[in-house]
Amino acid sequence: MPSWTVSISSSAQKSIRRAPRHERDRLLAELDRLAVDPLGGNTVRLHGLPNTARRRVGDWRIIFELDFDRRVVVVADIVRRTTTTYRRH
C-alpha cells in the first residue's frame, strides 16, 4: 500500500515515453516502489542538494526530491546514466 504520493515532472514523463518498452516497464514499476519506500532499494542521497536523491534502474537514474511534511516524492527527471548525468541537477 503506497504511503507516499509520487508527482512526476513533464521532463520525466517525456523520458518515460521515449524509453524503449522493456526499460519503460522497469521504470514504471520502480516509480510504484517509490510510493511505498522512497529511500529503499538502490537509492542514494545526492550531496549538496537537501532532500534530493536518485534511484538506479539499470542504466537509468530517477532523480527525485522528498517532501517529508506532505509525504510527496517529486520526480524531477529520469535520465540514462552518462558521464554528465549529475551535472544538470
PDB file of N, CA and C in Angstrom:
ATOM      1  N   MET A   1       0.841  -1.180   0.000  1.00  0.00           N
ATOM      2  CA  MET A   1       0.000   0.000   0.000  1.00  0.00           C
ATOM      3  C   MET A   1       0.886   1.244   0.000  1.00  0.00           C
ATOM      4  N   PRO A   2       0.707   2.154  -0.980  1.00  0.00           N
ATOM      5  CA  PRO A   2       1.536   3.357  -1.043  1.00  0.00           C
ATOM      6  C   PRO A   2       1.298   4.272   0.154  1.00  0.00           C
ATOM      7  N   SER A   3       2.391   4.743   0.711  1.00  0.00           N
ATOM      8  CA  SER A   3       2.268   5.697   1.802  1.00  0.00           C
ATOM      9  C   SER A   3       2.764   7.071   1.384  1.00  0.00           C
ATOM     10  N   TRP A   4       3.343   7.167   0.191  1.00  0.00           N
ATOM     11  CA  TRP A   4       3.805   8.430  -0.363  1.00  0.00           C
ATOM     12  C   TRP A   4       3.068   8.681  -1.680  1.00  0.00           C
ATOM     13  N   THR A   5       2.908   9.953  -2.018  1.00  0.00           N
ATOM     14  CA  THR A   5       2.349  10.339  -3.309  1.00  0.00           C
ATOM     15  C   THR A   5       3.513  10.636  -4.241  1.00  0.00           C
ATOM     16  N   VAL A   6       3.447  10.163  -5.472  1.00  0.00           N
ATOM     17  CA  VAL A   6       4.509  10.401  -6.448  1.00  0.00           C
ATOM     18  C   VAL A   6       4.009  11.401  -7.478  1.00  0.00           C
ATOM     19  N   SER A   7       4.749  12.503  -7.625  1.00  0.00           N
ATOM     20  CA  SER A   7       4.454  13.528  -8.618  1.00  0.00           C
ATOM     21  C   SER A   7       5.576  13.499  -9.654  1.00  0.00           C
ATOM     22  N   ILE A   8       5.222  13.421 -10.931  1.00  0.00           N
ATOM     23  CA  ILE A   8       6.218  13.256 -11.993  1.00  0.00           C
ATOM     24  C   ILE A   8       6.245  14.508 -12.864  1.00  0.00           C
ATOM     25  N   SER A   9       7.432  15.103 -13.021  1.00  0.00           N
ATOM     26  CA  SER A   9       7.581  16.313 -13.833  1.00  0.00           C
ATOM     27  C   SER A   9       7.352  15.991 -15.308  1.00  0.00           C
ATOM     28  N   SER A  10       7.134  17.030 -16.094  1.00  0.00           N
ATOM     29  CA  SER A  10       6.890  16.821 -17.524  1.00  0.00           C
ATOM     30  C   SER A  10       8.131  16.267 -18.222  1.00  0.00           C
ATOM     31  N   SER A  11       9.325  16.682 -17.806  1.00  0.00           N
ATOM     32  CA  SER A  11      10.534  16.143 -18.446  1.00  0.00           C
ATOM     33  C   SER A  11      10.716  14.667 -18.110  1.00  0.00           C
ATOM     34  N   ALA A  12      10.354  14.260 -16.896  1.00  0.00           N
ATOM     35  CA  ALA A  12      10.432  12.843 -16.528  1.00  0.00           C
ATOM     36  C   ALA A  12       9.406  12.035 -17.322  1.00  0.00           C
ATOM     37  N   GLN A  13       8.210  12.582 -17.506  1.00  0.00           N
ATOM     38  CA  GLN A  13       7.186  11.896 -18.296  1.00  0.00           C
ATOM     39  C   GLN A  13       7.654  11.711 -19.736  1.00  0.00           C
ATOM     40  N   LYS A  14       8.319  12.729 -20.269  1.00  0.00           N
ATOM     41  CA  LYS A  14       8.837  12.658 -21.632  1.00  0.00           C
ATOM     42  C   LYS A  14       9.906  11.567 -21.744  1.00  0.00           C
ATOM     43  N   SER A  15      10.772  11.479 -20.744  1.00  0.00           N
ATOM     44  CA  SER A  15      11.810  10.439 -20.744  1.00  0.00           C
ATOM     45  C   SER A  15      11.192   9.049 -20.718  1.00  0.00           C
ATOM     46  N   ILE A  16      10.137   8.882 -19.936  1.00  0.00           N
ATOM     47  CA  ILE A  16       9.457   7.583 -19.865  1.00  0.00           C
ATOM     48  C   ILE A  16       8.865   7.222 -21.227  1.00  0.00           C
ATOM     49  N   ARG A  17       8.213   8.191 -21.871  1.00  0.00           N
ATOM     50  CA  ARG A  17       7.608   7.932 -23.182  1.00  0.00           C
ATOM     51  C   ARG A  17       8.656   7.532 -24.220  1.00  0.00           C
ATOM     52  N   ARG A  18       9.851   8.106 -24.132  1.00  0.00           N
ATOM     53  CA  ARG A  18      10.885   7.864 -25.138  1.00  0.00           C
ATOM     54  C   ARG A  18      11.743   6.632 -24.850  1.00  0.00           C
ATOM     55  N   ALA A  19      11.628   6.076 -23.665  1.00  0.00           N
ATOM     56  CA  ALA A  19      12.435   4.901 -23.309  1.00  0.00           C
ATOM     57  C   ALA A  19      11.927   3.680 -24.074  1.00  0.00           C
ATOM     58  N   PRO A  20      12.824   2.757 -24.405  1.00  0.00           N
ATOM     59  CA  PRO A  20      12.382   1.502 -25.026  1.00  0.00           C
ATOM     60  C   PRO A  20      11.385   0.783 -24.111  1.00  0.00           C
ATOM     61  N   ARG A  21      10.482   0.033 -24.700  1.00  0.00           N
ATOM     62  CA  ARG A  21       9.370  -0.566 -23.958  1.00  0.00           C
ATOM     63  C   ARG A  21       9.826  -1.380 -22.744  1.00  0.00           C
ATOM     64  N   HIS A  22      10.807  -2.256 -22.893  1.00  0.00           N
ATOM     65  CA  HIS A  22      11.226  -3.090 -21.759  1.00  0.00           C
ATOM     66  C   HIS A  22      11.820  -2.245 -20.630  1.00  0.00           C
ATOM     67  N   GLU A  23      12.504  -1.152 -20.977  1.00  0.00           N
ATOM     68  CA  GLU A  23      13.044  -0.259 -19.954  1.00  0.00           C
ATOM     69  C   GLU A  23      11.936   0.601 -19.352  1.00  0.00           C
ATOM     70  N   ARG A  24      10.971   0.984 -20.170  1.00  0.00           N
ATOM     71  CA  ARG A  24       9.837   1.777 -19.687  1.00  0.00           C
ATOM     72  C   ARG A  24       9.065   1.005 -18.622  1.00  0.00           C
ATOM     73  N   ASP A  25       8.856  -0.280 -18.858  1.00  0.00           N
ATOM     74  CA  ASP A  25       8.144  -1.109 -17.878  1.00  0.00           C
ATOM     75  C   ASP A  25       8.895  -1.165 -16.555  1.00  0.00           C
ATOM     76  N   ARG A  26      10.218  -1.294 -16.611  1.00  0.00           N
ATOM     77  CA  ARG A  26      11.023  -1.312 -15.384  1.00  0.00           C
ATOM     78  C   ARG A  26      10.956   0.025 -14.657  1.00  0.00           C
ATOM     79  N   LEU A  27      11.003   1.128 -15.411  1.00  0.00           N
ATOM     80  CA  LEU A  27      10.937   2.456 -14.797  1.00  0.00           C
ATOM     81  C   LEU A  27       9.590   2.673 -14.116  1.00  0.00           C
ATOM     82  N   LEU A  28       8.511   2.275 -14.774  1.00  0.00           N
ATOM     83  CA  LEU A  28       7.180   2.446 -14.186  1.00  0.00           C
ATOM     84  C   LEU A  28       7.018   1.601 -12.924  1.00  0.00           C
ATOM     85  N   ALA A  29       7.553   0.395 -12.939  1.00  0.00           N
ATOM     86  CA  ALA A  29       7.494  -0.452 -11.744  1.00  0.00           C
ATOM     87  C   ALA A  29       8.281   0.183 -10.600  1.00  0.00           C
ATOM     88  N   GLU A  30       9.406   0.796 -10.918  1.00  0.00           N
ATOM     89  CA  GLU A  30      10.227   1.435  -9.879  1.00  0.00           C
ATOM     90  C   GLU A  30       9.531   2.676  -9.325  1.00  0.00           C
ATOM     91  N   LEU A  31       8.787   3.386 -10.157  1.00  0.00           N
ATOM     92  CA  LEU A  31       8.020   4.538  -9.666  1.00  0.00           C
ATOM     93  C   LEU A  31       6.952   4.078  -8.676  1.00  0.00           C
ATOM     94  N   ASP A  32       6.356   2.923  -8.924  1.00  0.00           N
ATOM     95  CA  ASP A  32       5.395   2.365  -7.966  1.00  0.00           C
ATOM     96  C   ASP A  32       6.077   2.037  -6.644  1.00  0.00           C
ATOM     97  N   ARG A  33       7.308   1.522  -6.717  1.00  0.00           N
ATOM     98  CA  ARG A  33       8.048   1.200  -5.491  1.00  0.00           C
ATOM     99  C   ARG A  33       8.435   2.459  -4.720  1.00  0.00           C
ATOM    100  N   LEU A  34       8.650   3.568  -5.440  1.00  0.00           N
ATOM    101  CA  LEU A  34       8.963   4.836  -4.770  1.00  0.00           C
ATOM    102  C   LEU A  34       7.829   5.255  -3.847  1.00  0.00           C
ATOM    103  N   ALA A  35       6.596   4.981  -4.244  1.00  0.00           N
ATOM    104  CA  ALA A  35       5.439   5.353  -3.433  1.00  0.00           C
ATOM    105  C   ALA A  35       5.391   4.570  -2.130  1.00  0.00           C
ATOM    106  N   VAL A  36       5.977   3.392  -2.115  1.00  0.00           N
ATOM    107  CA  VAL A  36       5.967   2.553  -0.916  1.00  0.00           C
ATOM    108  C   VAL A  36       7.152   2.875  -0.015  1.00  0.00           C
ATOM    109  N   ASP A  37       8.356   2.955  -0.599  1.00  0.00           N
ATOM    110  CA  ASP A  37       9.572   3.190   0.183  1.00  0.00           C
ATOM    111  C   ASP A  37      10.561   4.011  -0.643  1.00  0.00           C
ATOM    112  N   PRO A  38      10.488   5.340  -0.579  1.00  0.00           N
ATOM    113  CA  PRO A  38      11.351   6.167  -1.421  1.00  0.00           C
ATOM    114  C   PRO A  38      12.835   6.097  -1.073  1.00  0.00           C
ATOM    115  N   LEU A  39      13.187   5.642   0.111  1.00  0.00           N
ATOM    116  CA  LEU A  39      14.601   5.582   0.486  1.00  0.00           C
ATOM    117  C   LEU A  39      15.167   4.168   0.459  1.00  0.00           C
ATOM    118  N   GLY A  40      14.397   3.212  -0.030  1.00  0.00           N
ATOM    119  CA  GLY A  40      14.864   1.830  -0.104  1.00  0.00           C
ATOM    120  C   GLY A  40      15.500   1.529  -1.443  1.00  0.00           C
ATOM    121  N   GLY A  41      15.889   0.283  -1.615  1.00  0.00           N
ATOM    122  CA  GLY A  41      16.445  -0.163  -2.890  1.00  0.00           C
ATOM    123  C   GLY A  41      17.773   0.491  -3.201  1.00  0.00           C
ATOM    124  N   ASN A  42      17.979   0.851  -4.444  1.00  0.00           N
ATOM    125  CA  ASN A  42      19.223   1.480  -4.904  1.00  0.00           C
ATOM    126  C   ASN A  42      19.140   2.993  -4.811  1.00  0.00           C
ATOM    127  N   THR A  43      18.673   3.508  -3.691  1.00  0.00           N
ATOM    128  CA  THR A  43      18.523   4.942  -3.512  1.00  0.00           C
ATOM    129  C   THR A  43      19.744   5.510  -2.807  1.00  0.00           C
ATOM    130  N   VAL A  44      20.258   6.610  -3.354  1.00  0.00           N
ATOM    131  CA  VAL A  44      21.396   7.306  -2.763  1.00  0.00           C
ATOM    132  C   VAL A  44      21.048   8.785  -2.701  1.00  0.00           C
ATOM    133  N   ARG A  45      21.265   9.391  -1.546  1.00  0.00           N
ATOM    134  CA  ARG A  45      21.037  10.835  -1.433  1.00  0.00           C
ATOM    135  C   ARG A  45      22.135  11.575  -2.178  1.00  0.00           C
ATOM    136  N   LEU A  46      21.776  12.670  -2.849  1.00  0.00           N
ATOM    137  CA  LEU A  46      22.746  13.448  -3.612  1.00  0.00           C
ATOM    138  C   LEU A  46      23.358  14.512  -2.709  1.00  0.00           C
ATOM    139  N   HIS A  47      24.671  14.579  -2.691  1.00  0.00           N
ATOM    140  CA  HIS A  47      25.385  15.523  -1.841  1.00  0.00           C
ATOM    141  C   HIS A  47      25.152  16.955  -2.309  1.00  0.00           C
ATOM    142  N   GLY A  48      24.978  17.859  -1.372  1.00  0.00           N
ATOM    143  CA  GLY A  48      24.817  19.269  -1.689  1.00  0.00           C
ATOM    144  C   GLY A  48      23.411  19.667  -2.088  1.00  0.00           C
ATOM    145  N   LEU A  49      22.518  18.715  -2.168  1.00  0.00           N
ATOM    146  CA  LEU A  49      21.137  19.007  -2.545  1.00  0.00           C
ATOM    147  C   LEU A  49      20.223  18.430  -1.465  1.00  0.00           C
ATOM    148  N   PRO A  50      19.688  19.287  -0.599  1.00  0.00           N
ATOM    149  CA  PRO A  50      18.867  18.774   0.504  1.00  0.00           C
ATOM    150  C   PRO A  50      17.613  18.055   0.007  1.00  0.00           C
ATOM    151  N   ASN A  51      17.321  16.928   0.645  1.00  0.00           N
ATOM    152  CA  ASN A  51      16.124  16.132   0.342  1.00  0.00           C
ATOM    153  C   ASN A  51      16.060  15.655  -1.107  1.00  0.00           C
ATOM    154  N   THR A  52      17.211  15.531  -1.753  1.00  0.00           N
ATOM    155  CA  THR A  52      17.266  15.071  -3.138  1.00  0.00           C
ATOM    156  C   THR A  52      18.022  13.752  -3.188  1.00  0.00           C
ATOM    157  N   ALA A  53      17.507  12.835  -3.989  1.00  0.00           N
ATOM    158  CA  ALA A  53      18.123  11.514  -4.088  1.00  0.00           C
ATOM    159  C   ALA A  53      17.978  11.003  -5.512  1.00  0.00           C
ATOM    160  N   ARG A  54      18.630   9.870  -5.751  1.00  0.00           N
ATOM    161  CA  ARG A  54      18.471   9.209  -7.041  1.00  0.00           C
ATOM    162  C   ARG A  54      18.325   7.722  -6.785  1.00  0.00           C
ATOM    163  N   ARG A  55      17.605   7.091  -7.695  1.00  0.00           N
ATOM    164  CA  ARG A  55      17.445   5.640  -7.624  1.00  0.00           C
ATOM    165  C   ARG A  55      17.907   5.066  -8.953  1.00  0.00           C
ATOM    166  N   ARG A  56      18.714   4.026  -8.878  1.00  0.00           N
ATOM    167  CA  ARG A  56      19.268   3.384 -10.067  1.00  0.00           C
ATOM    168  C   ARG A  56      18.312   2.301 -10.557  1.00  0.00           C
ATOM    169  N   VAL A  57      18.042   2.338 -11.862  1.00  0.00           N
ATOM    170  CA  VAL A  57      17.230   1.313 -12.519  1.00  0.00           C
ATOM    171  C   VAL A  57      17.981   0.932 -13.789  1.00  0.00           C
ATOM    172  N   GLY A  58      18.868  -0.057 -13.685  1.00  0.00           N
ATOM    173  CA  GLY A  58      19.709  -0.426 -14.824  1.00  0.00           C
ATOM    174  C   GLY A  58      20.603   0.740 -15.205  1.00  0.00           C
ATOM    175  N   ASP A  59      20.545   1.155 -16.478  1.00  0.00           N
ATOM    176  CA  ASP A  59      21.333   2.296 -16.950  1.00  0.00           C
ATOM    177  C   ASP A  59      20.625   3.625 -16.721  1.00  0.00           C
ATOM    178  N   TRP A  60      19.469   3.605 -16.123  1.00  0.00           N
ATOM    179  CA  TRP A  60      18.670   4.808 -15.906  1.00  0.00           C
ATOM    180  C   TRP A  60      18.776   5.274 -14.467  1.00  0.00           C
ATOM    181  N   ARG A  61      18.587   6.590 -14.257  1.00  0.00           N
ATOM    182  CA  ARG A  61      18.562   7.165 -12.919  1.00  0.00           C
ATOM    183  C   ARG A  61      17.280   7.972 -12.773  1.00  0.00           C
ATOM    184  N   ILE A  62      16.576   7.720 -11.684  1.00  0.00           N
ATOM    185  CA  ILE A  62      15.399   8.511 -11.336  1.00  0.00           C
ATOM    186  C   ILE A  62      15.869   9.510 -10.288  1.00  0.00           C
ATOM    187  N   ILE A  63      15.819  10.788 -10.617  1.00  0.00           N
ATOM    188  CA  ILE A  63      16.264  11.834  -9.702  1.00  0.00           C
ATOM    189  C   ILE A  63      15.020  12.482  -9.116  1.00  0.00           C
ATOM    190  N   PHE A  64      14.959  12.519  -7.778  1.00  0.00           N
ATOM    191  CA  PHE A  64      13.736  12.994  -7.136  1.00  0.00           C
ATOM    192  C   PHE A  64      14.026  13.745  -5.844  1.00  0.00           C
ATOM    193  N   GLU A  65      13.040  14.548  -5.445  1.00  0.00           N
ATOM    194  CA  GLU A  65      13.088  15.286  -4.187  1.00  0.00           C
ATOM    195  C   GLU A  65      12.016  14.725  -3.269  1.00  0.00           C
ATOM    196  N   LEU A  66      12.285  14.796  -1.974  1.00  0.00           N
ATOM    197  CA  LEU A  66      11.340  14.300  -0.977  1.00  0.00           C
ATOM    198  C   LEU A  66      10.795  15.453  -0.155  1.00  0.00           C
ATOM    199  N   ASP A  67       9.489  15.502  -0.025  1.00  0.00           N
ATOM    200  CA  ASP A  67       8.825  16.448   0.872  1.00  0.00           C
ATOM    201  C   ASP A  67       8.294  15.617   2.035  1.00  0.00           C
ATOM    202  N   PHE A  68       9.063  15.597   3.125  1.00  0.00           N
ATOM    203  CA  PHE A  68       8.726  14.736   4.260  1.00  0.00           C
ATOM    204  C   PHE A  68       7.451  15.188   4.976  1.00  0.00           C
ATOM    205  N   ASP A  69       7.180  16.498   4.975  1.00  0.00           N
ATOM    206  CA  ASP A  69       5.982  17.002   5.655  1.00  0.00           C
ATOM    207  C   ASP A  69       4.702  16.530   4.973  1.00  0.00           C
ATOM    208  N   ARG A  70       4.673  16.611   3.649  1.00  0.00           N
ATOM    209  CA  ARG A  70       3.473  16.209   2.902  1.00  0.00           C
ATOM    210  C   ARG A  70       3.547  14.770   2.391  1.00  0.00           C
ATOM    211  N   ARG A  71       4.698  14.105   2.600  1.00  0.00           N
ATOM    212  CA  ARG A  71       4.945  12.738   2.127  1.00  0.00           C
ATOM    213  C   ARG A  71       4.724  12.637   0.614  1.00  0.00           C
ATOM    214  N   VAL A  72       5.456  13.510  -0.100  1.00  0.00           N
ATOM    215  CA  VAL A  72       5.376  13.549  -1.556  1.00  0.00           C
ATOM    216  C   VAL A  72       6.771  13.313  -2.132  1.00  0.00           C
ATOM    217  N   VAL A  73       6.843  12.444  -3.129  1.00  0.00           N
ATOM    218  CA  VAL A  73       8.062  12.226  -3.904  1.00  0.00           C
ATOM    219  C   VAL A  73       7.872  12.982  -5.215  1.00  0.00           C
ATOM    220  N   VAL A  74       8.727  13.972  -5.472  1.00  0.00           N
ATOM    221  CA  VAL A  74       8.643  14.751  -6.703  1.00  0.00           C
ATOM    222  C   VAL A  74       9.755  14.270  -7.630  1.00  0.00           C
ATOM    223  N   VAL A  75       9.384  13.562  -8.677  1.00  0.00           N
ATOM    224  CA  VAL A  75      10.360  13.043  -9.635  1.00  0.00           C
ATOM    225  C   VAL A  75      10.737  14.188 -10.567  1.00  0.00           C
ATOM    226  N   ALA A  76      11.981  14.661 -10.423  1.00  0.00           N
ATOM    227  CA  ALA A  76      12.447  15.800 -11.210  1.00  0.00           C
ATOM    228  C   ALA A  76      12.835  15.390 -12.622  1.00  0.00           C
ATOM    229  N   ASP A  77      13.497  14.230 -12.744  1.00  0.00           N
ATOM    230  CA  ASP A  77      13.934  13.798 -14.064  1.00  0.00           C
ATOM    231  C   ASP A  77      14.253  12.308 -14.047  1.00  0.00           C
ATOM    232  N   ILE A  78      14.214  11.721 -15.210  1.00  0.00           N
ATOM    233  CA  ILE A  78      14.631  10.337 -15.414  1.00  0.00           C
ATOM    234  C   ILE A  78      15.588  10.376 -16.591  1.00  0.00           C
ATOM    235  N   VAL A  79      16.837   9.984 -16.338  1.00  0.00           N
ATOM    236  CA  VAL A  79      17.862  10.116 -17.371  1.00  0.00           C
ATOM    237  C   VAL A  79      18.661   8.828 -17.500  1.00  0.00           C
ATOM    238  N   ARG A  80      19.161   8.598 -18.701  1.00  0.00           N
ATOM    239  CA  ARG A  80      20.077   7.477 -18.915  1.00  0.00           C
ATOM    240  C   ARG A  80      21.431   7.899 -18.360  1.00  0.00           C
ATOM    241  N   ARG A  81      22.090   7.001 -17.659  1.00  0.00           N
ATOM    242  CA  ARG A  81      23.357   7.312 -16.993  1.00  0.00           C
ATOM    243  C   ARG A  81      24.461   7.538 -18.017  1.00  0.00           C
ATOM    244  N   THR A  82      25.080   8.731 -17.946  1.00  0.00           N
ATOM    245  CA  THR A  82      26.254   9.073 -18.750  1.00  0.00           C
ATOM    246  C   THR A  82      27.246   9.762 -17.828  1.00  0.00           C
ATOM    247  N   THR A  83      28.350  10.224 -18.370  1.00  0.00           N
ATOM    248  CA  THR A  83      29.345  10.901 -17.538  1.00  0.00           C
ATOM    249  C   THR A  83      28.861  12.263 -17.060  1.00  0.00           C
ATOM    250  N   THR A  84      27.839  12.833 -17.688  1.00  0.00           N
ATOM    251  CA  THR A  84      27.355  14.160 -17.295  1.00  0.00           C
ATOM    252  C   THR A  84      25.983  14.127 -16.635  1.00  0.00           C
ATOM    253  N   THR A  85      25.500  12.981 -16.253  1.00  0.00           N
ATOM    254  CA  THR A  85      24.146  12.847 -15.717  1.00  0.00           C
ATOM    255  C   THR A  85      23.885  13.776 -14.545  1.00  0.00           C
ATOM    256  N   TYR A  86      24.813  13.853 -13.591  1.00  0.00           N
ATOM    257  CA  TYR A  86      24.553  14.589 -12.354  1.00  0.00           C
ATOM    258  C   TYR A  86      24.949  16.056 -12.423  1.00  0.00           C
ATOM    259  N   ARG A  87      25.531  16.510 -13.489  1.00  0.00           N
ATOM    260  CA  ARG A  87      25.920  17.918 -13.603  1.00  0.00           C
ATOM    261  C   ARG A  87      24.725  18.829 -13.809  1.00  0.00           C
ATOM    262  N   ARG A  88      23.615  18.286 -14.288  1.00  0.00           N
ATOM    263  CA  ARG A  88      22.419  19.096 -14.557  1.00  0.00           C
ATOM    264  C   ARG A  88      21.583  19.332 -13.321  1.00  0.00           C
ATOM    265  N   HIS A  89      21.798  18.547 -12.249  1.00  0.00           N
ATOM    266  CA  HIS A  89      20.900  18.584 -11.100  1.00  0.00           C
ATOM    267  C   HIS A  89      21.611  19.035  -9.861  1.00  0.00           C
TER     268      HIS A  89
END
